[in-house]
Amino acid sequence: MGADRPDDGEMPPDEHPDRPPDRNENGSRPGGSGGAAAETRSYEEYYVQLSAAAAAEKIVAARRISAEEQAAAEKWDEQSGESRQMWGEYQRKWPPEERPPPDRSKAEPGSWVGEGNRVLRPDADAQVEAACDRIVGVERDKISPAMLAVESQDPDRRLVGFDHRLKRGDRIKEKVCDKIDEQGYSPVEALSRVSDAIRFTFQYREGRYTQGVWADIGRLRDQGFELHTLKNSWSEDQYKGINSQWIDPETGQRFEVQFHTRISFEAKQLTHKAYERLRTHQADKFEELVLEAFQKKVTAEVPVPPGAADIPDYPERDTDAR
């Protein structure tokens, strides 16, 4: 005989665990001497009403989130207008058309010469051009169809800037020159390490951002792509968003996927020319301070989605691509 439990005044366990609490077998609440009204709902009615109450709570929460997102969007629209005016003032003080053009006087005939006096000799330029043609083919035949398949799996977010998924040739060649100078790569090796020659951007609502990013990372892996790096910049002061680098193991092609909200994507677009100007290292100290202050001002106005800053980097930070 098993040990007896001490009598603590509790009722014996209900032999019908699926019965709503305090119900008779017919689904009604037992009447009492205290005059409480007898329960008239059936078991099925009880759970239908319980589900309806839970659904109503979700609707209220969704409306609250939508109201918060709308308020943030209105605030951003007002603040970004001020930032655009500031950028206009910057361009009046430092007109882009007055910057000196690249110096081609010392370059070998047929060389490519870019901003910051970067140079690719004719043979190197031809190698990069041929490799770029291969990248276009891989993007068209393999990567873009897979990305569109991923997009189709969730109608609550979308790819933005899809028509600009291929980086301009001059920008690719600038990065190739930098990698040749800094790491001593051959032109083709340098190009293979340019992670954003192909770039995609997913845009989410703030309230669904974090779960959407996690879901899409899984979907990209399901397509057979390998995650190379992921950099979370939601806690930084010059840029907010997540940039990730992926590799197609079949072709070895790298590509970039960015994860943004509408506001963080617009902030990136608004500050991108400032970022590119800083990257040339041709601005003087005062102009650099103005550009950095502008980026900080715009970035500070971007709301951080719940949980976004907690998505971890993988496996290390990469500071080259934006």
Foldseek 3Di string as FASTA:
>chain_A
DDDDDPCPPDDPDDPDVLQPPQADPQNKHDDDPVGDDIRPDGRVRVVVVVVVVVVVVVVVVVVVLVVVLVVLVVVLVVLVVVLVVVVVVLCVVVPPVPDDAADCPPADPCWDAHFLRQIDHNVLVVVLVVVLVVVVVCCVPPVVVLVVVLQVVDVQKHKPPQVCQADDPRVLVVQLSVCCVPPVDRSVVSSQPPQANGEIEIAHRLQCQPVVVVVSVVSVVVSVKAWDKKDACCVPQQAHWIKTWIARVVVRHIHIYIYYYPLRVVLCVSLVVLVVVVVSVPDDPVSVVSSSVSSRSSSVSDDHRPPSNVPDIPPDDDDPDD
